[in-house]
Amino acid sequence: MPLLDFSTIAAQLPDSWKSTRLGQVGPARIKVLRMDEQAYEEETHDYNEGLLVIDGQLRLSVGDQAVWVNAGQMYLVEAGVAHAVAAGSHGTLVIVDT
């Protein structure tokens, strides 16, 4: 796999909140996207999802909890758990899923 500069790749994406797949390691897909302060609607997956903040901050709503994920931190959303992105999230997000 080549060297990946997540922040540079995300900055060049034409649309925020639209991920691009960069590669795969085993069954795990690696995707990156640019967050732009806008909220993103609630979703649920049938697989675990790792949300790694490269720069900026991700503000999640998981059930009745507000979770802030800062640069250098990853939040693991378990399969079947509804989650939404709150307004104010910004920066570069790497998603690891299957």
PDB file of N, CA and C in Angstrom:
ATOM      1  N   MET A   1       0.860  -1.177   0.000  1.00  0.00           N
ATOM      2  CA  MET A   1       0.000   0.000   0.000  1.00  0.00           C
ATOM      3  C   MET A   1       0.902   1.235   0.000  1.00  0.00           C
ATOM      4  N   PRO A   2       0.559   2.232  -0.760  1.00  0.00           N
ATOM      5  CA  PRO A   2       1.367   3.453  -0.788  1.00  0.00           C
ATOM      6  C   PRO A   2       1.213   4.269   0.499  1.00  0.00           C
ATOM      7  N   LEU A   3       2.069   5.250   0.642  1.00  0.00           N
ATOM      8  CA  LEU A   3       1.961   6.190   1.760  1.00  0.00           C
ATOM      9  C   LEU A   3       0.694   7.017   1.568  1.00  0.00           C
ATOM     10  N   LEU A   4      -0.116   7.113   2.608  1.00  0.00           N
ATOM     11  CA  LEU A   4      -1.383   7.846   2.529  1.00  0.00           C
ATOM     12  C   LEU A   4      -1.351   9.046   3.465  1.00  0.00           C
ATOM     13  N   ASP A   5      -1.589  10.209   2.925  1.00  0.00           N
ATOM     14  CA  ASP A   5      -1.709  11.436   3.718  1.00  0.00           C
ATOM     15  C   ASP A   5      -3.201  11.746   3.814  1.00  0.00           C
ATOM     16  N   PHE A   6      -3.835  11.268   4.875  1.00  0.00           N
ATOM     17  CA  PHE A   6      -5.281  11.365   5.000  1.00  0.00           C
ATOM     18  C   PHE A   6      -5.801  12.796   4.899  1.00  0.00           C
ATOM     19  N   SER A   7      -5.145  13.731   5.561  1.00  0.00           N
ATOM     20  CA  SER A   7      -5.619  15.118   5.550  1.00  0.00           C
ATOM     21  C   SER A   7      -5.588  15.710   4.146  1.00  0.00           C
ATOM     22  N   THR A   8      -4.526  15.456   3.406  1.00  0.00           N
ATOM     23  CA  THR A   8      -4.410  15.983   2.040  1.00  0.00           C
ATOM     24  C   THR A   8      -5.452  15.351   1.135  1.00  0.00           C
ATOM     25  N   ILE A   9      -5.629  14.043   1.254  1.00  0.00           N
ATOM     26  CA  ILE A   9      -6.623  13.356   0.428  1.00  0.00           C
ATOM     27  C   ILE A   9      -8.019  13.893   0.723  1.00  0.00           C
ATOM     28  N   ALA A  10      -8.368  14.033   1.995  1.00  0.00           N
ATOM     29  CA  ALA A  10      -9.694  14.528   2.377  1.00  0.00           C
ATOM     30  C   ALA A  10      -9.917  15.948   1.883  1.00  0.00           C
ATOM     31  N   ALA A  11      -8.892  16.791   1.960  1.00  0.00           N
ATOM     32  CA  ALA A  11      -9.024  18.186   1.523  1.00  0.00           C
ATOM     33  C   ALA A  11      -9.304  18.279   0.028  1.00  0.00           C
ATOM     34  N   GLN A  12      -8.880  17.293  -0.735  1.00  0.00           N
ATOM     35  CA  GLN A  12      -9.070  17.308  -2.184  1.00  0.00           C
ATOM     36  C   GLN A  12     -10.383  16.682  -2.635  1.00  0.00           C
ATOM     37  N   LEU A  13     -11.120  16.088  -1.717  1.00  0.00           N
ATOM     38  CA  LEU A  13     -12.399  15.487  -2.090  1.00  0.00           C
ATOM     39  C   LEU A  13     -13.405  16.569  -2.470  1.00  0.00           C
ATOM     40  N   PRO A  14     -14.203  16.329  -3.513  1.00  0.00           N
ATOM     41  CA  PRO A  14     -15.136  17.366  -3.974  1.00  0.00           C
ATOM     42  C   PRO A  14     -16.290  17.645  -3.019  1.00  0.00           C
ATOM     43  N   ASP A  15     -16.701  16.636  -2.246  1.00  0.00           N
ATOM     44  CA  ASP A  15     -17.854  16.798  -1.359  1.00  0.00           C
ATOM     45  C   ASP A  15     -17.516  16.341   0.051  1.00  0.00           C
ATOM     46  N   SER A  16     -18.024  17.082   1.029  1.00  0.00           N
ATOM     47  CA  SER A  16     -17.874  16.641   2.414  1.00  0.00           C
ATOM     48  C   SER A  16     -18.855  15.495   2.665  1.00  0.00           C
ATOM     49  N   TRP A  17     -18.552  14.694   3.668  1.00  0.00           N
ATOM     50  CA  TRP A  17     -19.369  13.569   4.121  1.00  0.00           C
ATOM     51  C   TRP A  17     -19.553  12.494   3.056  1.00  0.00           C
ATOM     52  N   LYS A  18     -18.737  12.513   2.004  1.00  0.00           N
ATOM     53  CA  LYS A  18     -18.750  11.442   0.999  1.00  0.00           C
ATOM     54  C   LYS A  18     -17.380  10.789   1.038  1.00  0.00           C
ATOM     55  N   SER A  19     -17.327   9.594   1.579  1.00  0.00           N
ATOM     56  CA  SER A  19     -16.031   8.931   1.756  1.00  0.00           C
ATOM     57  C   SER A  19     -15.511   8.369   0.438  1.00  0.00           C
ATOM     58  N   THR A  20     -14.211   8.219   0.403  1.00  0.00           N
ATOM     59  CA  THR A  20     -13.562   7.528  -0.708  1.00  0.00           C
ATOM     60  C   THR A  20     -12.757   6.380  -0.131  1.00  0.00           C
ATOM     61  N   ARG A  21     -12.837   5.251  -0.784  1.00  0.00           N
ATOM     62  CA  ARG A  21     -12.138   4.050  -0.323  1.00  0.00           C
ATOM     63  C   ARG A  21     -10.684   4.115  -0.786  1.00  0.00           C
ATOM     64  N   LEU A  22      -9.772   3.977   0.168  1.00  0.00           N
ATOM     65  CA  LEU A  22      -8.344   4.069  -0.133  1.00  0.00           C
ATOM     66  C   LEU A  22      -7.685   2.710  -0.274  1.00  0.00           C
ATOM     67  N   GLY A  23      -8.231   1.699   0.367  1.00  0.00           N
ATOM     68  CA  GLY A  23      -7.635   0.378   0.296  1.00  0.00           C
ATOM     69  C   GLY A  23      -8.315  -0.576   1.243  1.00  0.00           C
ATOM     70  N   GLN A  24      -7.708  -1.740   1.353  1.00  0.00           N
ATOM     71  CA  GLN A  24      -8.258  -2.790   2.198  1.00  0.00           C
ATOM     72  C   GLN A  24      -7.112  -3.550   2.840  1.00  0.00           C
ATOM     73  N   VAL A  25      -7.277  -3.885   4.111  1.00  0.00           N
ATOM     74  CA  VAL A  25      -6.324  -4.711   4.842  1.00  0.00           C
ATOM     75  C   VAL A  25      -7.117  -5.879   5.393  1.00  0.00           C
ATOM     76  N   GLY A  26      -6.867  -7.077   4.865  1.00  0.00           N
ATOM     77  CA  GLY A  26      -7.711  -8.209   5.224  1.00  0.00           C
ATOM     78  C   GLY A  26      -9.132  -7.859   4.835  1.00  0.00           C
ATOM     79  N   PRO A  27     -10.107  -8.124   5.711  1.00  0.00           N
ATOM     80  CA  PRO A  27     -11.492  -7.776   5.373  1.00  0.00           C
ATOM     81  C   PRO A  27     -11.838  -6.302   5.648  1.00  0.00           C
ATOM     82  N   ALA A  28     -10.937  -5.571   6.281  1.00  0.00           N
ATOM     83  CA  ALA A  28     -11.242  -4.186   6.680  1.00  0.00           C
ATOM     84  C   ALA A  28     -11.003  -3.206   5.535  1.00  0.00           C
ATOM     85  N   ARG A  29     -12.014  -2.391   5.258  1.00  0.00           N
ATOM     86  CA  ARG A  29     -11.903  -1.329   4.263  1.00  0.00           C
ATOM     87  C   ARG A  29     -11.439  -0.058   4.974  1.00  0.00           C
ATOM     88  N   ILE A  30     -10.601   0.706   4.308  1.00  0.00           N
ATOM     89  CA  ILE A  30     -10.109   1.976   4.845  1.00  0.00           C
ATOM     90  C   ILE A  30     -10.636   3.088   3.958  1.00  0.00           C
ATOM     91  N   LYS A  31     -11.403   3.998   4.576  1.00  0.00           N
ATOM     92  CA  LYS A  31     -12.012   5.105   3.835  1.00  0.00           C
ATOM     93  C   LYS A  31     -11.679   6.418   4.536  1.00  0.00           C
ATOM     94  N   VAL A  32     -11.720   7.510   3.796  1.00  0.00           N
ATOM     95  CA  VAL A  32     -11.474   8.832   4.370  1.00  0.00           C
ATOM     96  C   VAL A  32     -12.544   9.791   3.869  1.00  0.00           C
ATOM     97  N   LEU A  33     -12.869  10.769   4.708  1.00  0.00           N
ATOM     98  CA  LEU A  33     -13.799  11.811   4.298  1.00  0.00           C
ATOM     99  C   LEU A  33     -13.478  13.112   5.024  1.00  0.00           C
ATOM    100  N   ARG A  34     -14.068  14.170   4.522  1.00  0.00           N
ATOM    101  CA  ARG A  34     -13.907  15.505   5.099  1.00  0.00           C
ATOM    102  C   ARG A  34     -15.200  15.882   5.810  1.00  0.00           C
ATOM    103  N   MET A  35     -15.074  16.260   7.074  1.00  0.00           N
ATOM    104  CA  MET A  35     -16.233  16.723   7.857  1.00  0.00           C
ATOM    105  C   MET A  35     -16.323  18.240   7.728  1.00  0.00           C
ATOM    106  N   ASP A  36     -17.543  18.780   7.654  1.00  0.00           N
ATOM    107  CA  ASP A  36     -17.690  20.204   7.356  1.00  0.00           C
ATOM    108  C   ASP A  36     -18.612  20.990   8.294  1.00  0.00           C
ATOM    109  N   GLU A  37     -18.677  20.624   9.545  1.00  0.00           N
ATOM    110  CA  GLU A  37     -19.481  21.324  10.557  1.00  0.00           C
ATOM    111  C   GLU A  37     -20.973  20.983  10.506  1.00  0.00           C
ATOM    112  N   GLN A  38     -21.451  20.373   9.427  1.00  0.00           N
ATOM    113  CA  GLN A  38     -22.868  20.044   9.330  1.00  0.00           C
ATOM    114  C   GLN A  38     -23.157  18.704  10.000  1.00  0.00           C
ATOM    115  N   ALA A  39     -24.379  18.559  10.463  1.00  0.00           N
ATOM    116  CA  ALA A  39     -24.809  17.298  11.062  1.00  0.00           C
ATOM    117  C   ALA A  39     -24.991  16.246   9.971  1.00  0.00           C
ATOM    118  N   TYR A  40     -24.917  14.988  10.371  1.00  0.00           N
ATOM    119  CA  TYR A  40     -25.146  13.870   9.452  1.00  0.00           C
ATOM    120  C   TYR A  40     -26.156  12.949  10.120  1.00  0.00           C
ATOM    121  N   GLU A  41     -27.149  12.535   9.360  1.00  0.00           N
ATOM    122  CA  GLU A  41     -28.281  11.803   9.933  1.00  0.00           C
ATOM    123  C   GLU A  41     -27.890  10.472  10.573  1.00  0.00           C
ATOM    124  N   GLU A  42     -28.769  10.025  11.442  1.00  0.00           N
ATOM    125  CA  GLU A  42     -28.542   8.778  12.162  1.00  0.00           C
ATOM    126  C   GLU A  42     -28.490   7.590  11.201  1.00  0.00           C
ATOM    127  N   GLU A  43     -27.598   6.646  11.512  1.00  0.00           N
ATOM    128  CA  GLU A  43     -27.490   5.426  10.718  1.00  0.00           C
ATOM    129  C   GLU A  43     -27.113   4.268  11.624  1.00  0.00           C
ATOM    130  N   THR A  44     -27.392   3.064  11.140  1.00  0.00           N
ATOM    131  CA  THR A  44     -27.063   1.831  11.849  1.00  0.00           C
ATOM    132  C   THR A  44     -26.490   0.858  10.831  1.00  0.00           C
ATOM    133  N   HIS A  45     -25.448   0.117  11.217  1.00  0.00           N
ATOM    134  CA  HIS A  45     -24.823  -0.840  10.317  1.00  0.00           C
ATOM    135  C   HIS A  45     -24.882  -2.240  10.917  1.00  0.00           C
ATOM    136  N   ASP A  46     -24.733  -3.239  10.072  1.00  0.00           N
ATOM    137  CA  ASP A  46     -24.692  -4.621  10.567  1.00  0.00           C
ATOM    138  C   ASP A  46     -23.246  -5.084  10.752  1.00  0.00           C
ATOM    139  N   TYR A  47     -22.341  -4.145  10.867  1.00  0.00           N
ATOM    140  CA  TYR A  47     -20.918  -4.407  11.083  1.00  0.00           C
ATOM    141  C   TYR A  47     -20.356  -3.341  12.017  1.00  0.00           C
ATOM    142  N   ASN A  48     -19.245  -3.657  12.680  1.00  0.00           N
ATOM    143  CA  ASN A  48     -18.558  -2.673  13.507  1.00  0.00           C
ATOM    144  C   ASN A  48     -17.943  -1.602  12.603  1.00  0.00           C
ATOM    145  N   GLU A  49     -17.817  -0.389  13.136  1.00  0.00           N
ATOM    146  CA  GLU A  49     -17.249   0.718  12.376  1.00  0.00           C
ATOM    147  C   GLU A  49     -16.292   1.498  13.276  1.00  0.00           C
ATOM    148  N   GLY A  50     -15.042   1.616  12.861  1.00  0.00           N
ATOM    149  CA  GLY A  50     -14.065   2.414  13.584  1.00  0.00           C
ATOM    150  C   GLY A  50     -14.016   3.810  13.000  1.00  0.00           C
ATOM    151  N   LEU A  51     -14.157   4.825  13.840  1.00  0.00           N
ATOM    152  CA  LEU A  51     -14.147   6.224  13.400  1.00  0.00           C
ATOM    153  C   LEU A  51     -12.919   6.894  14.010  1.00  0.00           C
ATOM    154  N   LEU A  52     -11.888   7.092  13.189  1.00  0.00           N
ATOM    155  CA  LEU A  52     -10.602   7.635  13.616  1.00  0.00           C
ATOM    156  C   LEU A  52     -10.481   9.082  13.154  1.00  0.00           C
ATOM    157  N   VAL A  53     -10.367  10.003  14.089  1.00  0.00           N
ATOM    158  CA  VAL A  53     -10.222  11.419  13.759  1.00  0.00           C
ATOM    159  C   VAL A  53      -8.739  11.726  13.571  1.00  0.00           C
ATOM    160  N   ILE A  54      -8.395  12.199  12.387  1.00  0.00           N
ATOM    161  CA  ILE A  54      -7.016  12.554  12.064  1.00  0.00           C
ATOM    162  C   ILE A  54      -6.730  13.977  12.517  1.00  0.00           C
ATOM    163  N   ASP A  55      -7.624  14.888  12.176  1.00  0.00           N
ATOM    164  CA  ASP A  55      -7.531  16.264  12.662  1.00  0.00           C
ATOM    165  C   ASP A  55      -8.943  16.806  12.823  1.00  0.00           C
ATOM    166  N   GLY A  56      -9.104  17.757  13.722  1.00  0.00           N
ATOM    167  CA  GLY A  56     -10.419  18.303  14.005  1.00  0.00           C
ATOM    168  C   GLY A  56     -11.102  17.564  15.141  1.00  0.00           C
ATOM    169  N   GLN A  57     -12.440  17.458  15.052  1.00  0.00           N
ATOM    170  CA  GLN A  57     -13.224  16.811  16.107  1.00  0.00           C
ATOM    171  C   GLN A  57     -14.508  16.237  15.524  1.00  0.00           C
ATOM    172  N   LEU A  58     -14.850  15.033  15.965  1.00  0.00           N
ATOM    173  CA  LEU A  58     -16.096  14.375  15.594  1.00  0.00           C
ATOM    174  C   LEU A  58     -17.018  14.415  16.803  1.00  0.00           C
ATOM    175  N   ARG A  59     -18.210  14.924  16.607  1.00  0.00           N
ATOM    176  CA  ARG A  59     -19.213  14.980  17.670  1.00  0.00           C
ATOM    177  C   ARG A  59     -20.309  13.988  17.336  1.00  0.00           C
ATOM    178  N   LEU A  60     -20.373  12.931  18.108  1.00  0.00           N
ATOM    179  CA  LEU A  60     -21.339  11.858  17.861  1.00  0.00           C
ATOM    180  C   LEU A  60     -22.484  11.905  18.854  1.00  0.00           C
ATOM    181  N   SER A  61     -23.618  11.425  18.399  1.00  0.00           N
ATOM    182  CA  SER A  61     -24.757  11.153  19.260  1.00  0.00           C
ATOM    183  C   SER A  61     -24.978   9.649  19.172  1.00  0.00           C
ATOM    184  N   VAL A  62     -24.750   8.960  20.283  1.00  0.00           N
ATOM    185  CA  VAL A  62     -24.891   7.509  20.339  1.00  0.00           C
ATOM    186  C   VAL A  62     -25.920   7.223  21.424  1.00  0.00           C
ATOM    187  N   GLY A  63     -27.105   6.828  20.989  1.00  0.00           N
ATOM    188  CA  GLY A  63     -28.198   6.676  21.948  1.00  0.00           C
ATOM    189  C   GLY A  63     -28.494   8.021  22.575  1.00  0.00           C
ATOM    190  N   ASP A  64     -28.484   8.085  23.895  1.00  0.00           N
ATOM    191  CA  ASP A  64     -28.734   9.362  24.574  1.00  0.00           C
ATOM    192  C   ASP A  64     -27.430  10.016  25.042  1.00  0.00           C
ATOM    193  N   GLN A  65     -26.301   9.529  24.537  1.00  0.00           N
ATOM    194  CA  GLN A  65     -25.001  10.074  24.938  1.00  0.00           C
ATOM    195  C   GLN A  65     -24.384  10.935  23.842  1.00  0.00           C
ATOM    196  N   ALA A  66     -23.744  12.018  24.255  1.00  0.00           N
ATOM    197  CA  ALA A  66     -22.928  12.830  23.353  1.00  0.00           C
ATOM    198  C   ALA A  66     -21.479  12.375  23.536  1.00  0.00           C
ATOM    199  N   VAL A  67     -20.828  12.051  22.435  1.00  0.00           N
ATOM    200  CA  VAL A  67     -19.450  11.581  22.475  1.00  0.00           C
ATOM    201  C   VAL A  67     -18.609  12.479  21.581  1.00  0.00           C
ATOM    202  N   TRP A  68     -17.544  13.052  22.131  1.00  0.00           N
ATOM    203  CA  TRP A  68     -16.624  13.877  21.353  1.00  0.00           C
ATOM    204  C   TRP A  68     -15.358  13.071  21.129  1.00  0.00           C
ATOM    205  N   VAL A  69     -14.993  12.945  19.862  1.00  0.00           N
ATOM    206  CA  VAL A  69     -13.790  12.207  19.483  1.00  0.00           C
ATOM    207  C   VAL A  69     -12.799  13.219  18.921  1.00  0.00           C
ATOM    208  N   ASN A  70     -11.644  13.338  19.555  1.00  0.00           N
ATOM    209  CA  ASN A  70     -10.647  14.332  19.170  1.00  0.00           C
ATOM    210  C   ASN A  70      -9.576  13.729  18.267  1.00  0.00           C
ATOM    211  N   ALA A  71      -8.757  14.583  17.695  1.00  0.00           N
ATOM    212  CA  ALA A  71      -7.663  14.140  16.831  1.00  0.00           C
ATOM    213  C   ALA A  71      -6.804  13.114  17.564  1.00  0.00           C
ATOM    214  N   GLY A  72      -6.514  12.017  16.875  1.00  0.00           N
ATOM    215  CA  GLY A  72      -5.717  10.954  17.459  1.00  0.00           C
ATOM    216  C   GLY A  72      -6.539   9.918  18.201  1.00  0.00           C
ATOM    217  N   GLN A  73      -7.859  10.111  18.272  1.00  0.00           N
ATOM    218  CA  GLN A  73      -8.729   9.163  18.966  1.00  0.00           C
ATOM    219  C   GLN A  73      -9.619   8.430  17.963  1.00  0.00           C
ATOM    220  N   MET A  74     -10.018   7.214  18.350  1.00  0.00           N
ATOM    221  CA  MET A  74     -10.930   6.418  17.528  1.00  0.00           C
ATOM    222  C   MET A  74     -12.104   5.977  18.390  1.00  0.00           C
ATOM    223  N   TYR A  75     -13.285   6.043  17.824  1.00  0.00           N
ATOM    224  CA  TYR A  75     -14.479   5.533  18.486  1.00  0.00           C
ATOM    225  C   TYR A  75     -14.936   4.303  17.717  1.00  0.00           C
ATOM    226  N   LEU A  76     -15.202   3.214  18.432  1.00  0.00           N
ATOM    227  CA  LEU A  76     -15.683   1.994  17.809  1.00  0.00           C
ATOM    228  C   LEU A  76     -17.192   1.902  18.002  1.00  0.00           C
ATOM    229  N   VAL A  77     -17.915   1.971  16.894  1.00  0.00           N
ATOM    230  CA  VAL A  77     -19.366   1.820  16.932  1.00  0.00           C
ATOM    231  C   VAL A  77     -19.660   0.344  16.689  1.00  0.00           C
ATOM    232  N   GLU A  78     -20.274  -0.281  17.661  1.00  0.00           N
ATOM    233  CA  GLU A  78     -20.614  -1.701  17.546  1.00  0.00           C
ATOM    234  C   GLU A  78     -21.736  -1.895  16.526  1.00  0.00           C
ATOM    235  N   ALA A  79     -21.742  -3.034  15.871  1.00  0.00           N
ATOM    236  CA  ALA A  79     -22.799  -3.374  14.928  1.00  0.00           C
ATOM    237  C   ALA A  79     -24.162  -3.248  15.593  1.00  0.00           C
ATOM    238  N   GLY A  80     -25.121  -2.678  14.869  1.00  0.00           N
ATOM    239  CA  GLY A  80     -26.481  -2.547  15.381  1.00  0.00           C
ATOM    240  C   GLY A  80     -26.738  -1.328  16.239  1.00  0.00           C
ATOM    241  N   VAL A  81     -25.716  -0.521  16.518  1.00  0.00           N
ATOM    242  CA  VAL A  81     -25.882   0.661  17.363  1.00  0.00           C
ATOM    243  C   VAL A  81     -26.132   1.891  16.480  1.00  0.00           C
ATOM    244  N   ALA A  82     -27.265   2.544  16.697  1.00  0.00           N
ATOM    245  CA  ALA A  82     -27.592   3.758  15.949  1.00  0.00           C
ATOM    246  C   ALA A  82     -26.679   4.892  16.404  1.00  0.00           C
ATOM    247  N   HIS A  83     -26.202   5.679  15.439  1.00  0.00           N
ATOM    248  CA  HIS A  83     -25.327   6.813  15.753  1.00  0.00           C
ATOM    249  C   HIS A  83     -25.530   7.906  14.707  1.00  0.00           C
ATOM    250  N   ALA A  84     -25.340   9.134  15.134  1.00  0.00           N
ATOM    251  CA  ALA A  84     -25.477  10.292  14.253  1.00  0.00           C
ATOM    252  C   ALA A  84     -24.350  11.264  14.550  1.00  0.00           C
ATOM    253  N   VAL A  85     -24.053  12.092  13.575  1.00  0.00           N
ATOM    254  CA  VAL A  85     -23.023  13.117  13.747  1.00  0.00           C
ATOM    255  C   VAL A  85     -23.709  14.434  14.062  1.00  0.00           C
ATOM    256  N   ALA A  86     -23.288  15.080  15.133  1.00  0.00           N
ATOM    257  CA  ALA A  86     -23.848  16.362  15.537  1.00  0.00           C
ATOM    258  C   ALA A  86     -23.160  17.500  14.786  1.00  0.00           C
ATOM    259  N   ALA A  87     -23.865  18.598  14.664  1.00  0.00           N
ATOM    260  CA  ALA A  87     -23.291  19.788  14.034  1.00  0.00           C
ATOM    261  C   ALA A  87     -22.027  20.205  14.783  1.00  0.00           C
ATOM    262  N   GLY A  88     -21.075  20.750  14.058  1.00  0.00           N
ATOM    263  CA  GLY A  88     -19.829  21.197  14.663  1.00  0.00           C
ATOM    264  C   GLY A  88     -18.662  20.261  14.399  1.00  0.00           C
ATOM    265  N   SER A  89     -18.949  19.059  13.880  1.00  0.00           N
ATOM    266  CA  SER A  89     -17.879  18.127  13.549  1.00  0.00           C
ATOM    267  C   SER A  89     -17.105  18.686  12.360  1.00  0.00           C
ATOM    268  N   HIS A  90     -15.777  18.628  12.447  1.00  0.00           N
ATOM    269  CA  HIS A  90     -14.948  19.195  11.383  1.00  0.00           C
ATOM    270  C   HIS A  90     -13.611  18.477  11.324  1.00  0.00           C
ATOM    271  N   GLY A  91     -12.981  18.512  10.158  1.00  0.00           N
ATOM    272  CA  GLY A  91     -11.667  17.923  10.002  1.00  0.00           C
ATOM    273  C   GLY A  91     -11.677  16.683   9.131  1.00  0.00           C
ATOM    274  N   THR A  92     -10.739  15.793   9.408  1.00  0.00           N
ATOM    275  CA  THR A  92     -10.543  14.588   8.598  1.00  0.00           C
ATOM    276  C   THR A  92     -10.895  13.352   9.411  1.00  0.00           C
ATOM    277  N   LEU A  93     -11.715  12.489   8.806  1.00  0.00           N
ATOM    278  CA  LEU A  93     -12.175  11.273   9.465  1.00  0.00           C
ATOM    279  C   LEU A  93     -11.793  10.070   8.616  1.00  0.00           C
ATOM    280  N   VAL A  94     -11.175   9.077   9.244  1.00  0.00           N
ATOM    281  CA  VAL A  94     -10.890   7.800   8.603  1.00  0.00           C
ATOM    282  C   VAL A  94     -11.882   6.783   9.171  1.00  0.00           C
ATOM    283  N   ILE A  95     -12.505   6.037   8.274  1.00  0.00           N
ATOM    284  CA  ILE A  95     -13.470   5.010   8.650  1.00  0.00           C
ATOM    285  C   ILE A  95     -12.866   3.651   8.327  1.00  0.00           C
ATOM    286  N   VAL A  96     -12.917   2.748   9.302  1.00  0.00           N
ATOM    287  CA  VAL A  96     -12.463   1.384   9.106  1.00  0.00           C
ATOM    288  C   VAL A  96     -13.663   0.482   9.348  1.00  0.00           C
ATOM    289  N   ASP A  97     -14.058  -0.269   8.316  1.00  0.00           N
ATOM    290  CA  ASP A  97     -15.201  -1.164   8.447  1.00  0.00           C
ATOM    291  C   ASP A  97     -15.015  -2.380   7.546  1.00  0.00           C
ATOM    292  N   THR A  98     -16.022  -3.240   7.521  1.00  0.00           N
ATOM    293  CA  THR A  98     -15.953  -4.426   6.669  1.00  0.00           C
ATOM    294  C   THR A  98     -17.086  -4.452   5.687  1.00  0.00           C
TER     295      THR A  98
END
